[in-house]
Protein backbone atom coordinates (compact mmCIF):
# COMPACT_ATOMS: atom_id res chain seq x y z
CA UNK A 1 123.59 86.12 70.44
CA UNK A 2 120.62 85.59 67.52
CA UNK A 3 116.96 87.24 68.69
CA UNK A 4 114.21 84.45 67.41
CA UNK A 5 111.22 86.47 66.16
CA UNK A 6 112.28 89.78 68.34
CA UNK A 7 108.41 91.36 68.14
CA UNK A 8 106.88 87.78 69.18
CA UNK A 9 106.29 89.22 72.81
CA UNK A 10 104.15 91.64 71.22
CA UNK A 11 100.97 89.43 71.06
CA UNK A 12 97.20 89.59 69.92
CA UNK A 13 94.67 90.53 72.87
CA UNK A 14 92.03 88.41 71.44
CA UNK A 15 94.04 85.54 72.65
CA UNK A 16 93.69 87.00 76.79
CA UNK A 17 90.03 87.61 76.57
CA UNK A 18 87.91 86.14 79.25
CA UNK A 19 84.69 86.09 76.94
CA UNK A 20 82.65 84.43 79.66
CA UNK A 21 83.49 86.91 82.42
CA UNK A 22 81.31 86.22 85.69
CA UNK A 23 78.12 88.95 85.74
CA UNK A 24 76.42 90.00 88.55
CA UNK A 25 73.24 92.99 89.43
CA UNK A 26 73.89 95.44 91.91
CA UNK A 27 71.76 93.76 93.82
CA UNK A 28 73.23 90.31 93.99
CA UNK A 29 74.21 89.42 97.98
CA UNK A 30 78.17 90.86 98.32
CA UNK A 31 78.79 86.94 99.87
CA UNK A 32 77.33 85.17 96.38
CA UNK A 33 79.80 87.43 94.55
CA UNK A 34 82.74 86.64 96.35
CA UNK A 35 81.66 82.93 96.25
CA UNK A 36 81.42 83.09 92.83
CA UNK A 37 85.31 85.00 92.35
CA UNK A 38 86.54 82.23 94.31
CA UNK A 39 84.97 79.34 92.56
CA UNK A 40 85.97 80.08 89.12
CA UNK A 41 89.65 80.67 90.50
CA UNK A 42 89.56 77.71 92.11
CA UNK A 43 87.06 74.94 90.87
CA UNK A 44 88.68 72.40 92.75
CA UNK A 45 86.01 70.88 95.83
CA UNK A 46 89.30 69.77 97.74
CA UNK A 47 90.54 73.55 98.11
CA UNK A 48 90.41 73.96 101.71
CA UNK A 49 93.38 76.42 102.91
CA UNK A 50 93.13 74.74 106.66
CA UNK A 51 93.69 71.47 105.25
CA UNK A 52 96.43 72.38 102.81
CA UNK A 53 100.04 71.45 102.60
CA UNK A 54 102.91 72.93 101.98
CA UNK A 55 103.43 74.31 98.59
CA UNK A 56 105.97 76.46 96.72
CA UNK A 57 103.05 78.35 95.19
CA UNK A 58 100.71 80.78 96.82
CA UNK A 59 97.08 80.42 96.88
CA UNK A 60 97.07 83.51 94.78
CA UNK A 61 97.97 81.56 91.36
CA UNK A 62 95.61 78.63 91.00
CA UNK A 63 98.43 76.35 92.62
CA UNK A 64 95.77 73.37 92.61
CA UNK A 65 94.41 73.46 89.10
CA UNK A 66 95.47 70.72 86.90
CA UNK A 67 98.01 71.79 84.31
CA UNK A 68 96.66 69.09 81.91
CA UNK A 69 93.79 70.65 81.87
CA UNK A 70 94.69 74.40 80.98
CA UNK A 71 93.58 76.38 78.30
CA UNK A 72 95.78 77.14 75.36
CA UNK A 73 93.97 80.22 75.08
CA UNK A 74 94.05 81.48 78.73
CA UNK A 75 95.37 79.76 81.57
CA UNK A 76 92.96 81.47 84.84
CA UNK A 77 90.04 83.68 84.76
CA UNK A 78 89.65 86.37 86.17
CA UNK A 79 89.49 87.62 89.99
CA UNK A 80 86.56 90.62 89.25
CA UNK A 81 82.86 90.17 88.51
CA UNK A 82 81.05 92.77 86.19
CA UNK A 83 78.04 94.29 87.52
CA UNK A 84 75.19 94.50 84.90
CA UNK A 85 71.60 96.78 85.36
CA UNK A 86 69.54 96.06 82.76
CA UNK A 87 71.66 95.43 79.50
CA UNK A 88 74.69 98.43 80.73
CA UNK A 89 77.76 97.76 82.69
CA UNK A 90 77.67 99.74 85.84
CA UNK A 91 80.31 98.79 87.74
CA UNK A 92 83.06 95.92 88.79
CA UNK A 93 84.06 94.23 92.13
CA UNK A 94 87.42 92.81 92.47
CA UNK A 95 89.51 90.90 94.85
CA UNK A 96 90.91 94.58 95.96
CA UNK A 97 87.79 95.53 96.47
CA UNK A 98 87.34 93.03 98.77
CA UNK A 99 90.40 93.05 100.95
CA UNK A 100 89.21 96.86 101.29
CA UNK A 101 86.20 95.71 102.72
CA UNK A 102 87.03 93.34 104.87
CA UNK A 103 89.45 95.75 106.36
CA UNK A 104 86.73 98.16 107.22
CA UNK A 105 85.05 95.07 109.34
CA UNK A 106 81.85 95.48 107.59
CA UNK A 107 78.97 92.67 108.24
CA UNK A 108 78.91 91.01 104.83
CA UNK A 109 75.88 89.09 105.46
CA UNK A 110 73.91 92.23 104.94
CA UNK A 111 75.81 93.93 102.29
CA UNK A 112 75.05 93.84 98.43
CA UNK A 113 77.38 94.27 95.47
CA UNK A 114 76.27 97.64 94.82
CA UNK A 115 77.34 98.75 97.97
CA UNK A 116 80.97 98.25 97.18
CA UNK A 117 81.40 97.79 93.92
CA UNK A 118 83.59 100.64 91.89
CA UNK A 119 81.86 102.88 89.97
CA UNK A 120 81.66 104.07 87.01
CA UNK A 121 84.48 101.72 85.51
CA UNK A 122 87.14 102.04 82.89
CA UNK A 123 86.09 100.02 79.98
CA UNK A 124 88.77 99.65 76.39
CA UNK A 125 86.90 100.20 73.04
CA UNK A 126 87.15 97.16 70.67
CA UNK A 127 89.38 99.15 68.03
CA UNK A 128 91.86 98.85 70.21
CA UNK A 129 92.17 95.27 70.58
CA UNK A 130 95.26 95.30 68.33
CA UNK A 131 97.11 97.48 70.32
CA UNK A 132 98.58 95.75 73.99
CA UNK A 133 100.19 99.25 74.61
CA UNK A 134 96.64 100.82 74.46
CA UNK A 135 95.52 98.48 77.42
CA UNK A 136 99.50 98.82 79.18
CA UNK A 137 98.78 102.67 79.50
CA UNK A 138 95.09 102.16 81.09
CA UNK A 139 96.60 99.84 83.57
CA UNK A 140 99.32 102.24 84.29
CA UNK A 141 97.20 105.17 84.26
CA UNK A 142 94.25 103.87 86.37
CA UNK A 143 95.83 101.92 88.40
CA UNK A 144 93.66 99.23 87.86
CA UNK A 145 94.32 95.60 86.60
CA UNK A 146 91.13 94.17 84.99
CA UNK A 147 89.31 96.12 81.74
CA UNK A 148 86.79 95.47 80.29
CA UNK A 149 86.13 95.44 76.35
CA UNK A 150 83.20 96.66 74.83
CA UNK A 151 81.80 97.35 71.39
CA UNK A 152 81.21 100.44 69.38
CA UNK A 153 77.29 100.34 70.79
CA UNK A 154 78.86 100.04 74.64
CA UNK A 155 77.80 96.25 74.54
CA UNK A 156 80.20 93.79 76.68
CA UNK A 157 82.19 91.67 75.14
CA UNK A 158 84.94 90.34 77.54
CA UNK A 159 87.67 91.28 80.54
CA UNK A 160 91.47 91.41 79.76
CA UNK A 161 93.63 91.60 82.79
CA UNK A 162 97.70 92.05 83.50
CA UNK A 163 97.64 88.15 84.38
CA UNK A 164 96.26 86.80 81.23
CA UNK A 165 98.57 89.25 79.58
CA UNK A 166 101.66 88.39 81.08
CA UNK A 167 100.58 84.81 80.83
CA UNK A 168 101.28 85.21 77.21
CA UNK A 169 104.12 87.12 76.39
CA UNK A 170 107.42 85.88 75.45
CA UNK A 171 109.75 89.22 76.26
CA UNK A 172 113.22 87.33 76.23
CA UNK A 173 114.79 89.89 74.83
CA UNK A 174 113.52 93.12 76.71
CA UNK A 175 113.76 90.71 80.14
CA UNK A 176 117.04 89.17 80.14
CA UNK A 177 118.64 93.09 79.77
CA UNK A 178 117.29 93.92 82.99
CA UNK A 179 117.57 92.88 86.98
CA UNK A 180 115.29 92.37 89.51
CA UNK A 181 116.42 95.02 91.28
CA UNK A 182 115.78 97.48 88.70
CA UNK A 183 112.23 96.87 89.34
CA UNK A 184 111.41 95.61 92.56
CA UNK A 185 109.87 97.41 96.01
CA UNK A 186 111.81 96.82 99.09
CA UNK A 187 108.92 98.15 100.39
CA UNK A 188 107.88 95.21 101.54
CA UNK A 189 104.93 94.93 104.35
CA UNK A 190 105.30 92.05 106.33
CA UNK A 191 104.09 91.03 109.83
CA UNK A 192 104.84 87.85 112.29
CA UNK A 193 103.62 84.31 112.12
CA UNK A 194 100.79 84.93 114.72
CA UNK A 195 98.89 87.92 113.09
CA UNK A 196 95.17 87.57 112.35
CA UNK A 197 93.68 87.28 109.19
CA UNK A 198 92.11 90.48 109.77
CA UNK A 199 95.20 92.84 110.24
CA UNK A 200 96.69 91.44 107.62
CA UNK A 201 93.62 92.73 105.40
CA UNK A 202 93.65 95.71 107.23
CA UNK A 203 97.44 96.12 106.26
CA UNK A 204 96.77 95.68 102.35
CA UNK A 205 93.91 98.31 102.10
CA UNK A 206 96.11 100.94 104.17
CA UNK A 207 99.19 100.67 102.30
CA UNK A 208 97.41 99.89 99.13
CA UNK A 209 99.39 96.27 98.50
CA UNK A 210 98.13 92.65 97.30
CA UNK A 211 100.31 90.93 99.71
CA UNK A 212 102.14 90.80 102.78
CA UNK A 213 105.01 89.05 103.22
CA UNK A 214 105.03 86.48 106.66
CA UNK A 215 108.31 86.22 108.51
CA UNK A 216 110.60 84.95 111.42
CA UNK A 217 112.98 86.06 113.64
CA UNK A 218 115.81 83.82 113.12
CA UNK A 219 118.76 83.27 116.19
CA UNK A 220 121.11 85.97 114.18
CA UNK A 221 117.90 88.46 114.85
CA UNK A 222 117.59 88.65 111.03
CA UNK A 223 114.48 88.50 109.45
CA UNK A 224 113.32 85.19 107.37
CA UNK A 225 110.34 85.32 104.82
CA UNK A 226 108.51 82.62 105.25
CA UNK A 227 105.38 82.45 103.98
CA UNK A 228 102.87 85.32 102.01
CA UNK A 229 99.09 86.14 102.26
CA UNK A 230 97.32 87.86 98.87
CA UNK A 231 93.98 89.23 98.53
CA UNK A 232 93.09 86.63 96.66
CA UNK A 233 93.15 84.27 99.88
CA UNK A 234 91.29 87.00 101.51
CA UNK A 235 88.45 86.27 99.47
CA UNK A 236 88.44 82.65 99.45
CA UNK A 237 88.47 82.90 103.49
CA UNK A 238 85.40 84.75 103.20
CA UNK A 239 83.99 82.08 100.89
CA UNK A 240 84.91 79.34 103.51
CA UNK A 241 83.75 81.14 106.38
CA UNK A 242 87.01 81.33 107.97
CA UNK A 243 87.22 83.40 111.24
CA UNK A 244 89.77 86.55 110.29
CA UNK A 245 89.73 88.07 113.35
CA UNK A 246 91.12 84.80 115.54
CA UNK A 247 92.44 82.81 112.68
CA UNK A 248 96.21 83.66 112.88
CA UNK A 249 99.15 83.86 109.21
CA UNK A 250 100.92 80.94 110.30
CA UNK A 251 97.54 78.49 109.84
CA UNK A 252 96.91 79.22 106.36
CA UNK A 253 99.80 81.12 104.41
CA UNK A 254 101.30 79.62 101.44
CA UNK A 255 104.78 78.01 102.56
CA UNK A 256 107.53 77.85 101.60
CA UNK A 257 108.65 80.71 99.45
CA UNK A 258 110.56 80.04 96.46
CA UNK A 259 112.70 83.14 96.82
CA UNK A 260 114.90 85.31 93.93
CA UNK A 261 117.56 87.36 94.01
CA UNK A 262 118.07 90.93 93.32
CA UNK A 263 121.03 89.66 90.98
CA UNK A 264 117.99 87.45 88.79
CA UNK A 265 117.09 88.81 85.16
CA UNK A 266 113.89 89.78 84.82
CA UNK A 267 113.21 86.51 82.01
CA UNK A 268 113.85 84.68 85.29
CA UNK A 269 111.85 86.04 87.18
CA UNK A 270 108.67 85.69 84.37
CA UNK A 271 109.50 82.18 83.46
CA UNK A 272 109.47 81.25 87.15
CA UNK A 273 105.71 82.92 87.72
CA UNK A 274 104.74 81.24 85.08
CA UNK A 275 106.02 77.99 86.27
CA UNK A 276 104.47 78.20 89.85
CA UNK A 277 101.92 80.11 88.84
CA UNK A 278 101.82 83.03 90.69
CA UNK A 279 101.63 86.97 90.32
CA UNK A 280 104.19 87.97 92.51
CA UNK A 281 107.62 86.47 94.43
CA UNK A 282 109.64 87.40 97.65
CA UNK A 283 113.22 88.35 96.75
CA UNK A 284 115.92 88.37 99.73
CA UNK A 285 119.26 88.92 100.08
CA UNK A 286 121.76 89.21 102.69
CA UNK A 287 120.66 86.04 104.78
CA UNK A 288 117.08 87.96 105.25
CA UNK A 289 118.47 91.03 105.61
CA UNK A 290 117.01 92.51 102.67
CA UNK A 291 113.65 91.99 101.78
CA UNK A 292 111.70 92.41 98.15
CA UNK A 293 108.54 92.19 96.17
CA UNK A 294 108.29 91.94 92.90
CA UNK A 295 105.08 91.34 90.48
CA UNK A 296 103.56 90.80 87.56
CA UNK A 297 102.80 94.88 87.25
CA UNK A 298 106.52 95.15 87.84
CA UNK A 299 106.85 92.79 84.84
CA UNK A 300 104.61 94.52 82.53
CA UNK A 301 106.14 97.84 83.62
CA UNK A 302 109.27 97.23 81.48
CA UNK A 303 107.45 97.75 77.92
CA UNK A 304 106.39 100.98 78.92
CA UNK A 305 108.53 103.07 76.20
CA UNK A 306 110.28 105.11 79.48
CA UNK A 307 111.53 102.36 80.81
CA UNK A 308 113.34 101.29 77.98
CA UNK A 309 116.08 103.92 78.61
CA UNK A 310 117.04 101.79 81.32
CA UNK A 311 117.59 98.69 79.29
CA UNK A 312 120.07 101.21 76.72
CA UNK A 313 121.41 102.64 79.81
CA UNK A 314 122.58 99.43 81.01
CA UNK A 315 123.59 98.28 77.51
CA UNK A 316 125.64 100.94 76.98
CA UNK A 317 127.53 100.62 80.40
CA UNK A 318 128.44 97.13 79.64
CA UNK A 319 129.54 98.04 75.51
CA UNK A 320 131.83 100.57 77.56
CA UNK A 321 133.67 98.06 79.83
CA UNK A 322 133.86 95.92 77.01
CA UNK A 323 134.66 98.01 74.33
CA UNK A 324 136.07 101.39 76.05
CA UNK A 325 136.37 104.29 73.40
CA UNK A 326 138.33 107.95 74.07
CA UNK A 327 135.19 109.41 73.96
CA UNK A 328 132.13 108.44 75.26
CA UNK A 329 128.70 108.97 74.57
CA UNK A 330 126.88 110.19 77.66
CA UNK A 331 123.57 110.30 78.18
CA UNK A 332 123.85 114.35 78.03
CA UNK A 333 125.11 113.75 74.47
CA UNK A 334 122.41 111.10 73.62
CA UNK A 335 120.26 114.04 74.57
CA UNK A 336 121.36 116.20 72.40
CA UNK A 337 122.12 114.21 69.11
CA UNK A 338 118.81 112.95 69.41
CA UNK A 339 116.71 116.18 69.92
CA UNK A 340 118.49 117.52 66.58
CA UNK A 341 118.61 114.02 64.56
CA UNK A 342 115.33 111.35 63.79
CA UNK A 343 115.69 107.29 63.41
CA UNK A 344 116.30 107.93 60.03
CA UNK A 345 119.19 110.33 59.64
CA UNK A 346 121.14 108.48 62.44
CA UNK A 347 120.71 105.41 60.47
CA UNK A 348 123.62 106.33 57.82
CA UNK A 349 125.60 107.32 60.71
CA UNK A 350 128.50 105.30 61.54
CA UNK A 351 128.45 101.51 63.20
CA UNK A 352 130.46 101.97 66.07
CA UNK A 353 128.65 100.28 69.54
CA UNK A 354 128.02 104.02 70.72
CA UNK A 355 126.91 105.11 67.80
CA UNK A 356 124.31 102.23 67.89
CA UNK A 357 123.38 102.79 71.17
CA UNK A 358 122.78 106.68 69.73
CA UNK A 359 120.36 104.98 67.35
CA UNK A 360 118.65 103.13 69.62
CA UNK A 361 117.79 105.97 71.82
CA UNK A 362 116.56 107.57 69.50
CA UNK A 363 114.25 105.48 68.03
CA UNK A 364 112.50 104.90 71.61
CA UNK A 365 112.37 108.39 72.14
CA UNK A 366 110.59 109.21 68.89
CA UNK A 367 108.49 106.82 70.18
CA UNK A 368 107.73 108.62 73.40
CA UNK A 369 107.50 112.16 71.59
CA UNK A 370 105.05 110.65 68.77
CA UNK A 371 102.27 108.59 70.46
CA UNK A 372 99.73 109.26 67.75
CA UNK A 373 101.74 106.43 65.36
CA UNK A 374 100.16 103.59 63.84
CA UNK A 375 100.38 100.17 64.98
CA UNK A 376 102.34 99.63 62.55
CA UNK A 377 104.47 102.27 62.40
CA UNK A 378 105.22 101.55 66.38
CA UNK A 379 105.58 97.84 65.61
CA UNK A 380 108.20 99.17 62.48
CA UNK A 381 110.26 101.25 65.49
CA UNK A 382 110.36 98.54 67.38
CA UNK A 383 111.62 95.95 65.10
CA UNK A 384 114.53 98.76 63.94
CA UNK A 385 115.80 98.99 68.02
CA UNK A 386 115.68 95.36 68.14
CA UNK A 387 117.49 95.01 65.38
CA UNK A 388 120.11 97.57 66.44
CA UNK A 389 120.21 95.36 70.18
CA UNK A 390 121.08 92.11 67.93
CA UNK A 391 124.51 93.49 66.78
CA UNK A 392 125.83 94.40 70.37
CA UNK A 393 125.32 91.00 71.50
């Protein structure tokens, strides 16, 4: 198998910046801010979940956007509003915040943005714009999904999100080696068809999840996923003044679902998310007895160098099945060898499959142990690892 432009999946972050983010002041009424988020994501006045026909996508993914009008730079707008006071960035309000507030049964009519915004806000300096790993690190460390970009004076430039990065990644060379089962979560929060929306919001808030899978029990008492309600749906319901306490999930859920199998590759999951324009997909197996969720957060996690160890382990097992050797290089051997060798030293060693895997392992470990490497050095080492992967396929 030949890799085509193996580092094409490392994008220029300038292509995913939302340069015109939604801006409000601390005194802005909460309902007005929610309406702004809703209109930015769903500009069509035809959007009405209560009258919507069945769809294969959930409301979380702009399923009513005209694909012919998609921007070549960025397909979606960020589900947040930034809060500025006297030109200073003081906070952020996201769909996750709206779910949290909903679960508290707050009177939205009297609330202001300042009452519930997240502050202080995590930002990324403009000088880091060329380093996607810096953005992914901040997303993971602070468990956030929106990252304002500021210049040297602290002035706002734009916003980068999990979703916008995923839309422009082309990581086939890495994702094809991993299965959905490797990164999905099986701790799925689910609820029956007659569950009120308010209770769904409380489930999301209590369990710190972005969706609830709606299920029904079939004649064999198996729990079958039939729909999904997401945190962005909650934003929409507020915008349309839906009665959250009395409206049931079956009335507003996105259905039918496109289901993944645990055996599907992450590349398949990535492509299906792009095709359906969703941020998460349900995984089902054994006729509904098994249930999982894979999200865009799961996919982005694969680009953490620590996660790349899993790729190497899978590759080693595959190679040993195809070309077993009497003396196999086990994980502890890799650890011992890599602790005393540099990637450059290993380049001069034998070209056997296990030696190549050892080289890849050592290269990735070197990246993890030397986080202060320049962007050019990181790209060079990643290119080297991918070149070696290519020789094994």
